[in-house]
Amino acid sequence: MLALLSVSDKRGLVPFAQGLVRQGFTILSTGGTLAALEAANVPAIKVSQHTGSPEILGGRVKTLHPKIHGGLLGRPSLPSDRAELEANGISPISVVAVNLYPFRETVAKGASRDEAIEQIDIGGPAMVRASAKNADHVSIVVDPDDYAAVLAELERDKAVSSATRRKLQRKAFAHTASYDAAIAAWLAEQESVTFPDALTLPYEKVQELRYGENPHQRGAFYRSPRMPSAPTVGYSSVLQGKELSYNNLLDLDAALGLVLEFPEQPTAVIIKHNTPCGVACDDALVTAYRRARAIDEVSAFGGIVALNRQVDEATATALAETFLEAVIAPGYDEKARAVLAAKKNLRLLDAGSTLALPSARPAAQLDARSISGGLLLMDRDAIEPQTEWKVVSRRAPTPDELIALKFAWRVCKHVKSNAIVFSDSTHLLAVGGGQTSRVDSVKIAAGRGGNLLKGSAVASDAFFPFRDGVDALAAAGARCVVQPGGSVKDAEIIAAADEHGLAMVFTSVRHFRH
């Protein structure tokens, strides 16, 4: 019996090979895998010795040979195949462990184009695909985590079961598909192609979720195999708490995206049902969190919190005062961990120290949304909070009002359209969003903010189609407003602002969020 081992990921290689030898297998191997086996005194035959053909072109051609691919694709159960194999001196290969050159790891290190091209595996994918096609006769293992199950069946039954071979077959084709997709994506990046003609998303499953958005829906969590340089939910470490749910992950992503808008000082964000219900900045993280929570303590109950500084004991104590679903931050000191350990169900995520840097920004990536029968893809809305702003009212905003407008504009980008945000210079006061008319969003926010809105700033994610929204925010006590402009009724809207003594600024940038 022959087994072929040729792996880039050498986790568990030696114990697996030793187990195969115990089961009577003769091992064929190449390159670094062969060296690792020889160093562990595991008997193995070099592939070139088995084929009778030397490795050529600097090792580019090693396994592309009839004695290898005939051994992988031959069907000993078919008399015709068996006769051809015997006539050509080809022995069947029944167990294959192959994983591919570290292409993704190489490009992640910023390798040159020539270095990256050399890490495009040819023989490996060919062996994986050949073995997987012939899964009725070959067990193809691309994941070291599957070694133990394969060995256990061989030791117990002297064969790998059909069910296991089918499972390995699925993983093998997914492995090569993901690998090719990563290469295609990198090549597109090299040519600055954002939207390729054919799109393959090489995401890897992290876990199946208890359910999707609702208990009757199934759900799973996948992440990109390429670790981004900026903080992300997908690559955050889960330190404690219950298993993350589908809705937790959506809300954590919303919270992280919003807190990354405020890298300059300690900031706390509270999200409920993908909508901000608390945002505040302060010199002390604990104060920022308490101020954010105080904005809407009812909504904060059961919320998701994002913080952009390491959590200390004082902040942890404040967090523990309210039932929360999850917290994401750039780390927790030992005393904070001790305080929060008492909240056994509270999910704590560590997004990495880069989240605490003054230069922290959201990861550059594309947003994907599924529709029936298709997929929508776009650039993430990562435009800087203030671009070319233009004062259009008679009264210009004061320096303090301008700071408040910038704060409101950053938050507004993360509220469902039609989005209206009331704020001062350091914290959110009220939010209205997800409505079919802009004036309704203003009225909802005004009802929530009450007397706190006197002297506030307002941000609107898109233009006001009518003056009624401006009249309503002025009646609520706002003193300045920032909006994209561009309505056919802009002159009427500006006149309304002047009537109320409002300072109005146009951004020329819209932030719809559907």
Protein backbone atom coordinates (compact mmCIF):
# COMPACT_ATOMS: atom_id res chain seq x y z
CA MET A 1 0.00 0.00 0.00
CA LEU A 2 1.29 3.43 -0.92
CA ALA A 3 0.74 6.76 0.82
CA LEU A 4 1.97 10.05 -0.62
CA LEU A 5 2.85 12.86 1.80
CA SER A 6 3.84 16.33 0.56
CA VAL A 7 2.79 19.14 2.88
CA SER A 8 3.56 22.78 3.50
CA ASP A 9 1.81 22.71 6.87
CA LYS A 10 3.78 20.10 8.81
CA ARG A 11 1.61 20.04 11.93
CA GLY A 12 1.13 16.42 12.99
CA LEU A 13 3.08 15.10 10.00
CA VAL A 14 5.46 12.77 11.83
CA PRO A 15 2.85 11.03 14.07
CA PHE A 16 0.60 10.58 11.03
CA ALA A 17 3.41 9.08 8.97
CA GLN A 18 4.43 6.82 11.85
CA GLY A 19 0.84 5.59 12.12
CA LEU A 20 0.70 4.86 8.39
CA VAL A 21 3.93 2.88 8.60
CA ARG A 22 2.46 0.83 11.46
CA GLN A 23 -0.47 0.02 9.18
CA GLY A 24 1.88 -1.29 6.50
CA PHE A 25 2.05 1.70 4.18
CA THR A 26 5.09 2.60 2.12
CA ILE A 27 5.48 6.37 2.10
CA LEU A 28 6.38 8.49 -0.91
CA SER A 29 7.48 12.04 -0.27
CA THR A 30 9.22 15.14 -1.60
CA GLY A 31 11.33 18.11 -0.53
CA GLY A 32 10.90 19.49 2.95
CA THR A 33 8.36 16.81 3.87
CA LEU A 34 10.85 14.06 3.03
CA ALA A 35 13.53 15.84 5.06
CA ALA A 36 11.20 16.11 8.07
CA LEU A 37 10.37 12.40 7.86
CA GLU A 38 14.00 11.38 7.52
CA ALA A 39 14.92 13.57 10.50
CA ALA A 40 12.33 11.67 12.55
CA ASN A 41 13.59 8.31 11.26
CA VAL A 42 10.36 7.60 9.42
CA PRO A 43 11.14 5.46 6.34
CA ALA A 44 10.12 7.17 3.10
CA ILE A 45 10.94 6.94 -0.61
CA LYS A 46 11.74 10.01 -2.65
CA VAL A 47 9.16 10.54 -5.40
CA SER A 48 11.87 10.82 -8.07
CA GLN A 49 13.17 7.40 -7.02
CA HIS A 50 9.65 5.97 -7.32
CA THR A 51 9.00 7.49 -10.75
CA GLY A 52 12.49 7.03 -12.13
CA SER A 53 12.40 10.64 -13.30
CA PRO A 54 14.47 13.46 -11.77
CA GLU A 55 13.02 16.64 -10.37
CA ILE A 56 13.50 19.33 -13.01
CA LEU A 57 13.18 23.09 -13.51
CA GLY A 58 14.38 23.88 -10.02
CA GLY A 59 11.78 21.59 -8.45
CA ARG A 60 8.85 22.97 -10.42
CA VAL A 61 8.25 19.48 -11.83
CA LYS A 62 8.40 16.65 -9.29
CA THR A 63 5.07 14.84 -9.09
CA LEU A 64 3.64 15.49 -12.57
CA HIS A 65 4.29 11.93 -13.73
CA PRO A 66 2.12 8.97 -14.83
CA LYS A 67 3.37 6.85 -11.94
CA ILE A 68 1.99 9.46 -9.54
CA HIS A 69 -1.18 10.53 -11.30
CA GLY A 70 -1.90 7.03 -12.58
CA GLY A 71 -1.58 5.84 -8.99
CA LEU A 72 -3.98 8.56 -7.84
CA LEU A 73 -6.57 8.25 -10.62
CA GLY A 74 -6.49 4.51 -11.22
CA ARG A 75 -9.53 2.51 -10.09
CA PRO A 76 -8.32 -0.91 -8.94
CA SER A 77 -11.93 -2.09 -8.72
CA LEU A 78 -12.25 -1.81 -12.51
CA PRO A 79 -10.59 -4.69 -14.39
CA SER A 80 -9.60 -2.40 -17.29
CA ASP A 81 -7.91 0.13 -14.99
CA ARG A 82 -6.23 -2.63 -13.01
CA ALA A 83 -4.84 -4.17 -16.18
CA GLU A 84 -3.46 -0.81 -17.39
CA LEU A 85 -1.88 -0.08 -14.04
CA GLU A 86 -0.16 -3.48 -14.02
CA ALA A 87 0.93 -3.15 -17.65
CA ASN A 88 2.58 0.19 -16.94
CA GLY A 89 4.11 -0.74 -13.61
CA ILE A 90 1.96 1.73 -11.69
CA SER A 91 1.02 1.03 -8.07
CA PRO A 92 -2.22 2.53 -6.66
CA ILE A 93 -1.81 5.26 -4.05
CA SER A 94 -4.59 5.02 -1.47
CA VAL A 95 -3.74 7.72 1.11
CA VAL A 96 -2.58 11.22 0.20
CA ALA A 97 -1.71 14.09 2.52
CA VAL A 98 -1.07 17.27 0.55
CA ASN A 99 -1.47 20.94 1.39
CA LEU A 100 -0.18 23.71 -0.73
CA TYR A 101 2.68 26.19 -0.94
CA PRO A 102 2.16 29.11 1.49
CA PHE A 103 1.05 31.60 -1.16
CA ARG A 104 -1.20 33.66 1.12
CA GLU A 105 1.39 33.83 3.87
CA THR A 106 4.03 34.89 1.36
CA VAL A 107 2.05 37.78 -0.13
CA ALA A 108 0.93 38.87 3.35
CA LYS A 109 4.59 39.53 4.14
CA GLY A 110 4.86 41.90 1.19
CA ALA A 111 6.90 39.59 -1.01
CA SER A 112 7.94 40.64 -4.50
CA ARG A 113 5.96 39.53 -7.51
CA ASP A 114 8.61 36.96 -8.46
CA GLU A 115 8.60 35.50 -4.94
CA ALA A 116 4.81 35.32 -4.95
CA ILE A 117 4.69 33.62 -8.34
CA GLU A 118 7.09 30.92 -7.11
CA GLN A 119 4.67 30.18 -4.28
CA ILE A 120 1.89 29.30 -6.73
CA ASP A 121 1.68 25.54 -6.32
CA ILE A 122 1.10 23.44 -9.46
CA GLY A 123 1.83 19.84 -8.55
CA GLY A 124 0.07 20.11 -5.21
CA PRO A 125 -3.35 21.17 -6.54
CA ALA A 126 -3.04 18.60 -9.33
CA MET A 127 -2.50 15.81 -6.78
CA VAL A 128 -5.28 17.07 -4.52
CA ARG A 129 -7.77 17.27 -7.37
CA ALA A 130 -6.80 13.91 -8.81
CA SER A 131 -7.10 12.24 -5.40
CA ALA A 132 -10.41 13.94 -4.68
CA LYS A 133 -11.84 12.94 -8.06
CA ASN A 134 -10.97 9.35 -7.20
CA ALA A 135 -12.34 9.48 -3.66
CA ASP A 136 -13.88 6.03 -4.07
CA HIS A 137 -10.34 4.69 -3.88
CA VAL A 138 -8.20 7.46 -2.37
CA SER A 139 -8.33 9.24 1.00
CA ILE A 140 -7.12 12.81 0.39
CA VAL A 141 -6.18 14.76 3.52
CA VAL A 142 -5.54 18.50 3.16
CA ASP A 143 -6.12 19.45 6.82
CA PRO A 144 -3.77 18.12 9.53
CA ASP A 145 -6.72 18.16 11.92
CA ASP A 146 -8.09 15.17 9.98
CA TYR A 147 -5.03 12.96 10.48
CA ALA A 148 -6.28 11.45 13.73
CA ALA A 149 -9.66 10.42 12.31
CA VAL A 150 -8.07 8.78 9.26
CA LEU A 151 -5.55 6.88 11.39
CA ALA A 152 -8.25 5.79 13.83
CA GLU A 153 -10.30 4.22 11.04
CA LEU A 154 -7.26 2.54 9.51
CA GLU A 155 -6.27 1.10 12.87
CA ARG A 156 -9.82 -0.06 13.64
CA ASP A 157 -11.11 -1.18 10.24
CA LYS A 158 -7.96 -1.42 8.08
CA ALA A 159 -9.71 1.03 5.70
CA VAL A 160 -11.06 4.56 5.60
CA SER A 161 -14.85 4.63 5.46
CA SER A 162 -16.79 5.90 2.46
CA ALA A 163 -18.37 8.64 4.59
CA THR A 164 -14.96 9.93 5.69
CA ARG A 165 -13.59 9.81 2.14
CA ARG A 166 -16.57 11.87 0.93
CA LYS A 167 -15.99 14.43 3.67
CA LEU A 168 -12.29 14.62 2.78
CA GLN A 169 -13.23 14.98 -0.89
CA ARG A 170 -15.38 18.05 -0.15
CA LYS A 171 -12.62 19.63 1.92
CA ALA A 172 -10.06 18.95 -0.79
CA PHE A 173 -11.95 20.74 -3.55
CA ALA A 174 -12.76 23.61 -1.18
CA HIS A 175 -9.03 23.80 -0.34
CA THR A 176 -7.92 24.16 -3.96
CA ALA A 177 -10.80 26.50 -4.81
CA SER A 178 -9.87 28.81 -1.93
CA TYR A 179 -6.21 28.67 -2.94
CA ASP A 180 -6.95 29.60 -6.55
CA ALA A 181 -9.32 32.34 -5.43
CA ALA A 182 -6.58 33.86 -3.27
CA ILE A 183 -4.20 33.86 -6.23
CA ALA A 184 -6.81 35.42 -8.52
CA ALA A 185 -7.57 38.10 -5.90
CA TRP A 186 -3.87 38.92 -5.50
CA LEU A 187 -3.38 39.16 -9.26
CA ALA A 188 -6.36 41.51 -9.46
CA GLU A 189 -4.83 43.66 -6.71
CA GLN A 190 -1.58 43.87 -8.66
CA GLU A 191 -3.48 45.35 -11.59
CA SER A 192 -5.72 47.55 -9.35
CA VAL A 193 -8.82 45.65 -10.47
CA THR A 194 -11.47 46.16 -7.77
CA PHE A 195 -14.35 44.32 -9.42
CA PRO A 196 -13.09 41.31 -11.43
CA ASP A 197 -15.22 39.74 -14.15
CA ALA A 198 -15.52 36.54 -12.13
CA LEU A 199 -15.68 36.84 -8.34
CA THR A 200 -14.72 34.02 -5.99
CA LEU A 201 -14.70 34.74 -2.28
CA PRO A 202 -12.14 32.52 -0.50
CA TYR A 203 -13.66 32.70 2.97
CA GLU A 204 -13.06 30.00 5.57
CA LYS A 205 -15.61 28.77 8.09
CA VAL A 206 -14.80 29.70 11.66
CA GLN A 207 -17.85 28.06 13.20
CA GLU A 208 -21.46 27.17 12.71
CA LEU A 209 -23.71 29.42 14.77
CA ARG A 210 -26.57 28.33 17.02
CA TYR A 211 -28.90 29.94 14.51
CA GLY A 212 -29.10 32.88 12.11
CA GLU A 213 -30.95 36.13 12.66
CA ASN A 214 -33.88 34.13 14.08
CA PRO A 215 -34.01 30.68 15.68
CA HIS A 216 -35.65 29.08 12.64
CA GLN A 217 -32.75 30.19 10.41
CA ARG A 218 -29.41 28.42 10.17
CA GLY A 219 -26.20 30.43 10.32
CA ALA A 220 -22.42 30.18 10.09
CA PHE A 221 -19.48 32.54 10.52
CA TYR A 222 -16.79 32.74 7.81
CA ARG A 223 -13.76 34.99 7.63
CA SER A 224 -11.20 36.00 5.08
CA PRO A 225 -8.09 33.79 5.15
CA ARG A 226 -5.93 36.90 4.85
CA MET A 227 -5.42 38.67 8.16
CA PRO A 228 -5.98 42.42 7.69
CA SER A 229 -3.60 45.02 9.08
CA ALA A 230 -6.44 46.96 10.77
CA PRO A 231 -8.73 45.80 13.60
CA THR A 232 -11.60 43.53 12.54
CA VAL A 233 -14.24 41.47 14.29
CA GLY A 234 -13.33 38.41 12.24
CA TYR A 235 -9.79 38.31 13.62
CA SER A 236 -10.55 39.40 17.18
CA SER A 237 -9.74 36.98 20.00
CA VAL A 238 -12.70 35.80 22.07
CA LEU A 239 -11.55 35.84 25.70
CA GLN A 240 -14.67 34.69 27.54
CA GLY A 241 -18.43 34.37 27.43
CA LYS A 242 -21.14 32.50 25.60
CA GLU A 243 -20.79 31.51 21.97
CA LEU A 244 -21.16 34.50 19.66
CA SER A 245 -24.44 34.66 17.79
CA TYR A 246 -25.20 35.88 14.27
CA ASN A 247 -26.71 39.10 15.66
CA ASN A 248 -23.80 39.59 18.08
CA LEU A 249 -21.35 39.51 15.18
CA LEU A 250 -23.38 42.02 13.14
CA ASP A 251 -23.61 44.39 16.09
CA LEU A 252 -19.95 43.98 17.01
CA ASP A 253 -18.99 44.93 13.46
CA ALA A 254 -21.24 48.00 13.63
CA ALA A 255 -19.77 49.00 17.00
CA LEU A 256 -16.18 48.52 15.87
CA GLY A 257 -16.77 50.47 12.66
CA LEU A 258 -18.18 53.43 14.60
CA VAL A 259 -15.56 53.53 17.35
CA LEU A 260 -12.86 53.57 14.66
CA GLU A 261 -14.23 56.96 13.56
CA PHE A 262 -12.81 58.49 16.78
CA PRO A 263 -9.15 57.46 17.07
CA GLU A 264 -8.01 60.72 18.64
CA GLN A 265 -9.29 60.18 22.21
CA PRO A 266 -10.88 57.52 24.44
CA THR A 267 -14.31 56.70 23.00
CA ALA A 268 -17.17 54.38 23.90
CA VAL A 269 -19.86 53.18 21.51
CA ILE A 270 -23.02 51.27 22.41
CA ILE A 271 -24.95 49.50 19.65
CA LYS A 272 -28.41 47.98 19.85
CA HIS A 273 -29.92 46.20 16.85
CA ASN A 274 -27.20 47.62 14.58
CA THR A 275 -28.02 51.21 15.61
CA PRO A 276 -25.95 53.53 17.82
CA CYS A 277 -27.70 54.33 21.10
CA GLY A 278 -24.66 55.76 22.85
CA VAL A 279 -21.42 57.41 21.67
CA ALA A 280 -19.14 59.56 23.81
CA CYS A 281 -15.53 60.76 23.93
CA ASP A 282 -13.62 61.83 27.04
CA ASP A 283 -10.11 62.00 28.42
CA ALA A 284 -10.88 58.96 30.62
CA LEU A 285 -12.31 55.78 29.11
CA VAL A 286 -14.56 55.08 32.08
CA THR A 287 -16.11 58.54 31.79
CA ALA A 288 -16.61 58.11 28.07
CA TYR A 289 -18.44 54.83 28.70
CA ARG A 290 -20.62 56.20 31.51
CA ARG A 291 -21.59 59.18 29.36
CA ALA A 292 -22.38 56.93 26.40
CA ARG A 293 -24.54 54.68 28.58
CA ALA A 294 -26.36 57.61 30.16
CA ILE A 295 -27.65 58.77 26.76
CA ASP A 296 -30.16 55.89 26.64
CA GLU A 297 -29.80 53.48 29.54
CA VAL A 298 -32.87 51.51 28.53
CA SER A 299 -31.45 50.75 25.08
CA ALA A 300 -27.97 50.13 26.50
CA PHE A 301 -29.37 47.14 28.43
CA GLY A 302 -28.40 44.08 26.39
CA GLY A 303 -26.26 46.20 24.08
CA ILE A 304 -22.90 45.74 22.38
CA VAL A 305 -20.03 47.98 23.49
CA ALA A 306 -16.92 49.00 21.56
CA LEU A 307 -14.04 50.82 23.26
CA ASN A 308 -10.88 52.14 21.62
CA ARG A 309 -8.53 52.00 24.61
CA GLN A 310 -7.43 49.11 26.81
CA VAL A 311 -10.05 48.40 29.46
CA ASP A 312 -8.89 49.18 32.99
CA GLU A 313 -10.44 48.20 36.33
CA ALA A 314 -12.60 51.33 36.61
CA THR A 315 -14.07 50.85 33.14
CA ALA A 316 -14.58 47.14 33.75
CA THR A 317 -16.48 47.94 36.96
CA ALA A 318 -18.74 50.32 35.03
CA LEU A 319 -19.31 47.73 32.31
CA ALA A 320 -20.30 45.15 34.92
CA GLU A 321 -23.07 47.41 36.22
CA THR A 322 -25.29 46.75 33.21
CA PHE A 323 -26.28 43.57 31.39
CA LEU A 324 -24.35 43.61 28.11
CA GLU A 325 -24.12 41.04 25.35
CA ALA A 326 -20.54 41.70 24.28
CA VAL A 327 -17.59 44.10 24.55
CA ILE A 328 -14.85 44.61 21.97
CA ALA A 329 -11.71 46.57 22.88
CA PRO A 330 -7.94 46.64 22.26
CA GLY A 331 -7.25 44.52 25.34
CA TYR A 332 -8.07 44.30 29.05
CA ASP A 333 -5.63 44.64 31.91
CA GLU A 334 -5.44 41.92 34.59
CA LYS A 335 -7.67 43.74 37.07
CA ALA A 336 -10.28 44.37 34.37
CA ARG A 337 -10.28 40.69 33.44
CA ALA A 338 -10.76 39.76 37.07
CA VAL A 339 -13.77 42.08 37.39
CA LEU A 340 -15.39 40.90 34.17
CA ALA A 341 -14.73 37.21 34.86
CA ALA A 342 -17.72 37.34 37.21
CA LYS A 343 -19.91 38.05 34.17
CA LYS A 344 -19.49 34.54 32.80
CA ASN A 345 -21.88 34.98 29.88
CA LEU A 346 -20.45 38.34 28.81
CA ARG A 347 -18.53 37.93 25.57
CA LEU A 348 -15.19 39.74 25.64
CA LEU A 349 -13.33 40.30 22.38
CA ASP A 350 -9.79 41.60 22.02
CA ALA A 351 -9.43 43.35 18.66
CA GLY A 352 -5.69 43.91 19.04
CA SER A 353 -3.54 46.81 20.15
CA THR A 354 -3.83 48.63 16.79
CA LEU A 355 -7.37 49.64 17.79
CA ALA A 356 -5.86 51.90 20.46
CA LEU A 357 -3.55 53.74 18.07
CA PRO A 358 -4.34 57.38 17.20
CA SER A 359 -4.01 56.37 13.54
CA ALA A 360 -6.52 53.51 13.80
CA ARG A 361 -8.86 53.33 10.82
CA PRO A 362 -11.30 50.72 9.49
CA ALA A 363 -9.78 47.98 7.36
CA ALA A 364 -9.79 48.70 3.65
CA GLN A 365 -12.19 46.14 2.24
CA LEU A 366 -15.28 45.65 0.16
CA ASP A 367 -18.83 45.35 1.47
CA ALA A 368 -20.85 42.46 0.09
CA ARG A 369 -24.64 42.11 0.30
CA SER A 370 -26.63 39.20 -1.03
CA ILE A 371 -29.81 39.60 -3.05
CA SER A 372 -31.97 36.88 -4.53
CA GLY A 373 -29.95 35.37 -7.33
CA GLY A 374 -26.93 37.58 -6.90
CA LEU A 375 -24.43 39.57 -4.89
CA LEU A 376 -23.82 43.31 -4.57
CA LEU A 377 -20.27 44.51 -3.96
CA MET A 378 -19.03 48.01 -3.18
CA ASP A 379 -16.20 49.92 -1.57
CA ARG A 380 -16.66 50.37 2.17
CA ASP A 381 -17.83 53.89 3.07
CA ALA A 382 -14.47 55.01 4.40
CA ILE A 383 -14.42 58.66 3.31
CA GLU A 384 -12.91 61.04 5.85
CA PRO A 385 -15.44 62.70 8.16
CA GLN A 386 -14.81 66.19 6.78
CA THR A 387 -14.07 66.75 3.11
CA GLU A 388 -15.01 69.96 1.28
CA TRP A 389 -17.57 71.53 3.62
CA LYS A 390 -19.31 74.71 2.53
CA VAL A 391 -21.24 77.13 4.74
CA VAL A 392 -24.49 77.98 2.91
CA SER A 393 -26.41 79.85 5.62
CA ARG A 394 -26.03 83.51 6.57
CA ARG A 395 -24.60 82.48 9.92
CA ALA A 396 -21.43 80.38 9.95
CA PRO A 397 -20.99 77.78 12.69
CA THR A 398 -18.88 78.86 15.65
CA PRO A 399 -15.67 76.87 16.32
CA ASP A 400 -17.46 74.85 19.02
CA GLU A 401 -20.42 74.21 16.72
CA LEU A 402 -18.10 73.05 13.97
CA ILE A 403 -16.55 70.49 16.33
CA ALA A 404 -20.03 69.28 17.25
CA LEU A 405 -21.01 69.03 13.59
CA LYS A 406 -17.95 66.91 12.86
CA PHE A 407 -18.88 64.59 15.74
CA ALA A 408 -22.48 64.25 14.54
CA TRP A 409 -21.37 63.65 10.94
CA ARG A 410 -19.09 60.78 11.97
CA VAL A 411 -21.90 59.09 13.88
CA CYS A 412 -24.51 59.75 11.19
CA LYS A 413 -22.60 57.61 8.72
CA HIS A 414 -23.38 54.57 10.90
CA VAL A 415 -27.14 55.10 11.32
CA LYS A 416 -29.73 53.54 9.02
CA SER A 417 -31.24 55.92 6.48
CA ASN A 418 -33.01 58.26 6.72
CA ALA A 419 -30.46 59.12 9.40
CA ILE A 420 -30.64 62.08 11.78
CA VAL A 421 -28.15 62.57 14.62
CA PHE A 422 -28.25 65.22 17.37
CA SER A 423 -25.01 65.70 19.31
CA ASP A 424 -22.75 68.10 21.10
CA SER A 425 -18.99 68.16 20.59
CA THR A 426 -18.24 64.99 22.56
CA HIS A 427 -21.29 62.78 22.74
CA LEU A 428 -24.41 61.62 20.99
CA LEU A 429 -27.68 63.15 22.21
CA ALA A 430 -30.35 61.44 20.11
CA VAL A 431 -30.76 59.34 16.98
CA GLY A 432 -33.55 58.87 14.48
CA GLY A 433 -33.15 56.51 11.56
CA GLY A 434 -34.57 53.72 9.48
CA GLN A 435 -37.64 55.76 8.59
CA THR A 436 -39.31 56.29 5.23
CA SER A 437 -39.33 60.08 5.63
CA ARG A 438 -36.60 62.34 6.96
CA VAL A 439 -38.94 64.49 9.01
CA ASP A 440 -40.10 61.38 10.90
CA SER A 441 -36.48 60.61 11.80
CA VAL A 442 -36.11 64.18 13.11
CA LYS A 443 -39.27 63.87 15.19
CA ILE A 444 -38.23 60.51 16.64
CA ALA A 445 -34.83 61.86 17.64
CA ALA A 446 -36.37 65.05 19.04
CA GLY A 447 -38.78 63.00 21.12
CA ARG A 448 -35.95 60.98 22.58
CA GLY A 449 -33.61 63.90 23.27
CA GLY A 450 -36.09 66.34 24.78
CA ASN A 451 -34.55 69.30 26.56
CA LEU A 452 -31.03 67.94 26.04
CA LEU A 453 -31.18 69.07 22.42
CA LYS A 454 -31.09 72.80 23.13
CA GLY A 455 -27.99 74.22 21.45
CA SER A 456 -27.21 70.90 19.73
CA ALA A 457 -25.73 70.07 16.33
CA VAL A 458 -27.53 67.91 13.78
CA ALA A 459 -26.22 65.70 10.99
CA SER A 460 -28.38 64.34 8.17
CA ASP A 461 -27.03 61.53 5.99
CA ALA A 462 -28.72 62.90 2.86
CA PHE A 463 -30.35 66.15 1.81
CA PHE A 464 -33.59 67.50 3.24
CA PRO A 465 -36.23 67.17 0.52
CA PHE A 466 -38.51 69.69 2.25
CA ARG A 467 -38.13 72.37 4.88
CA ASP A 468 -40.29 70.47 7.39
CA GLY A 469 -37.27 68.54 8.70
CA VAL A 470 -35.33 71.77 9.27
CA ASP A 471 -38.32 73.35 11.02
CA ALA A 472 -38.60 70.29 13.30
CA LEU A 473 -34.93 70.20 14.29
CA ALA A 474 -34.92 73.93 14.97
CA ALA A 475 -38.02 73.51 17.17
CA ALA A 476 -36.13 70.78 19.07
CA GLY A 477 -33.40 73.29 19.95
CA ALA A 478 -30.67 72.60 17.37
CA ARG A 479 -28.38 75.50 16.47
CA CYS A 480 -26.49 74.09 13.48
CA VAL A 481 -26.87 71.37 10.88
CA VAL A 482 -24.63 69.52 8.44
CA GLN A 483 -26.06 67.77 5.38
CA PRO A 484 -24.94 66.85 1.85
CA GLY A 485 -27.17 69.31 -0.01
CA GLY A 486 -28.27 68.67 -3.57
CA SER A 487 -32.05 68.93 -3.25
CA VAL A 488 -34.08 70.78 -5.86
CA LYS A 489 -35.41 72.69 -2.85
CA ASP A 490 -31.98 73.64 -1.45
CA ALA A 491 -32.80 77.37 -1.68
CA GLU A 492 -35.95 76.83 0.38
CA ILE A 493 -34.05 74.68 2.89
CA ILE A 494 -31.33 77.31 3.31
CA ALA A 495 -33.97 80.03 3.71
CA ALA A 496 -35.58 77.96 6.50
CA ALA A 497 -32.22 77.66 8.24
CA ASP A 498 -31.75 81.42 8.04
CA GLU A 499 -35.24 82.04 9.42
CA HIS A 500 -34.36 79.94 12.48
CA GLY A 501 -30.86 81.40 12.87
CA LEU A 502 -29.29 78.02 12.13
CA ALA A 503 -25.80 77.61 10.76
CA MET A 504 -25.98 75.18 7.84
CA VAL A 505 -23.08 73.39 6.16
CA PHE A 506 -23.17 71.35 2.95
CA THR A 507 -20.74 68.43 2.60
CA SER A 508 -21.49 67.34 -0.99
CA VAL A 509 -21.05 63.75 0.33
CA ARG A 510 -23.97 61.43 1.11
CA HIS A 511 -23.87 58.57 3.64
CA PHE A 512 -26.87 56.35 2.89
CA ARG A 513 -26.91 53.12 4.92
CA HIS A 514 -29.54 50.61 3.92
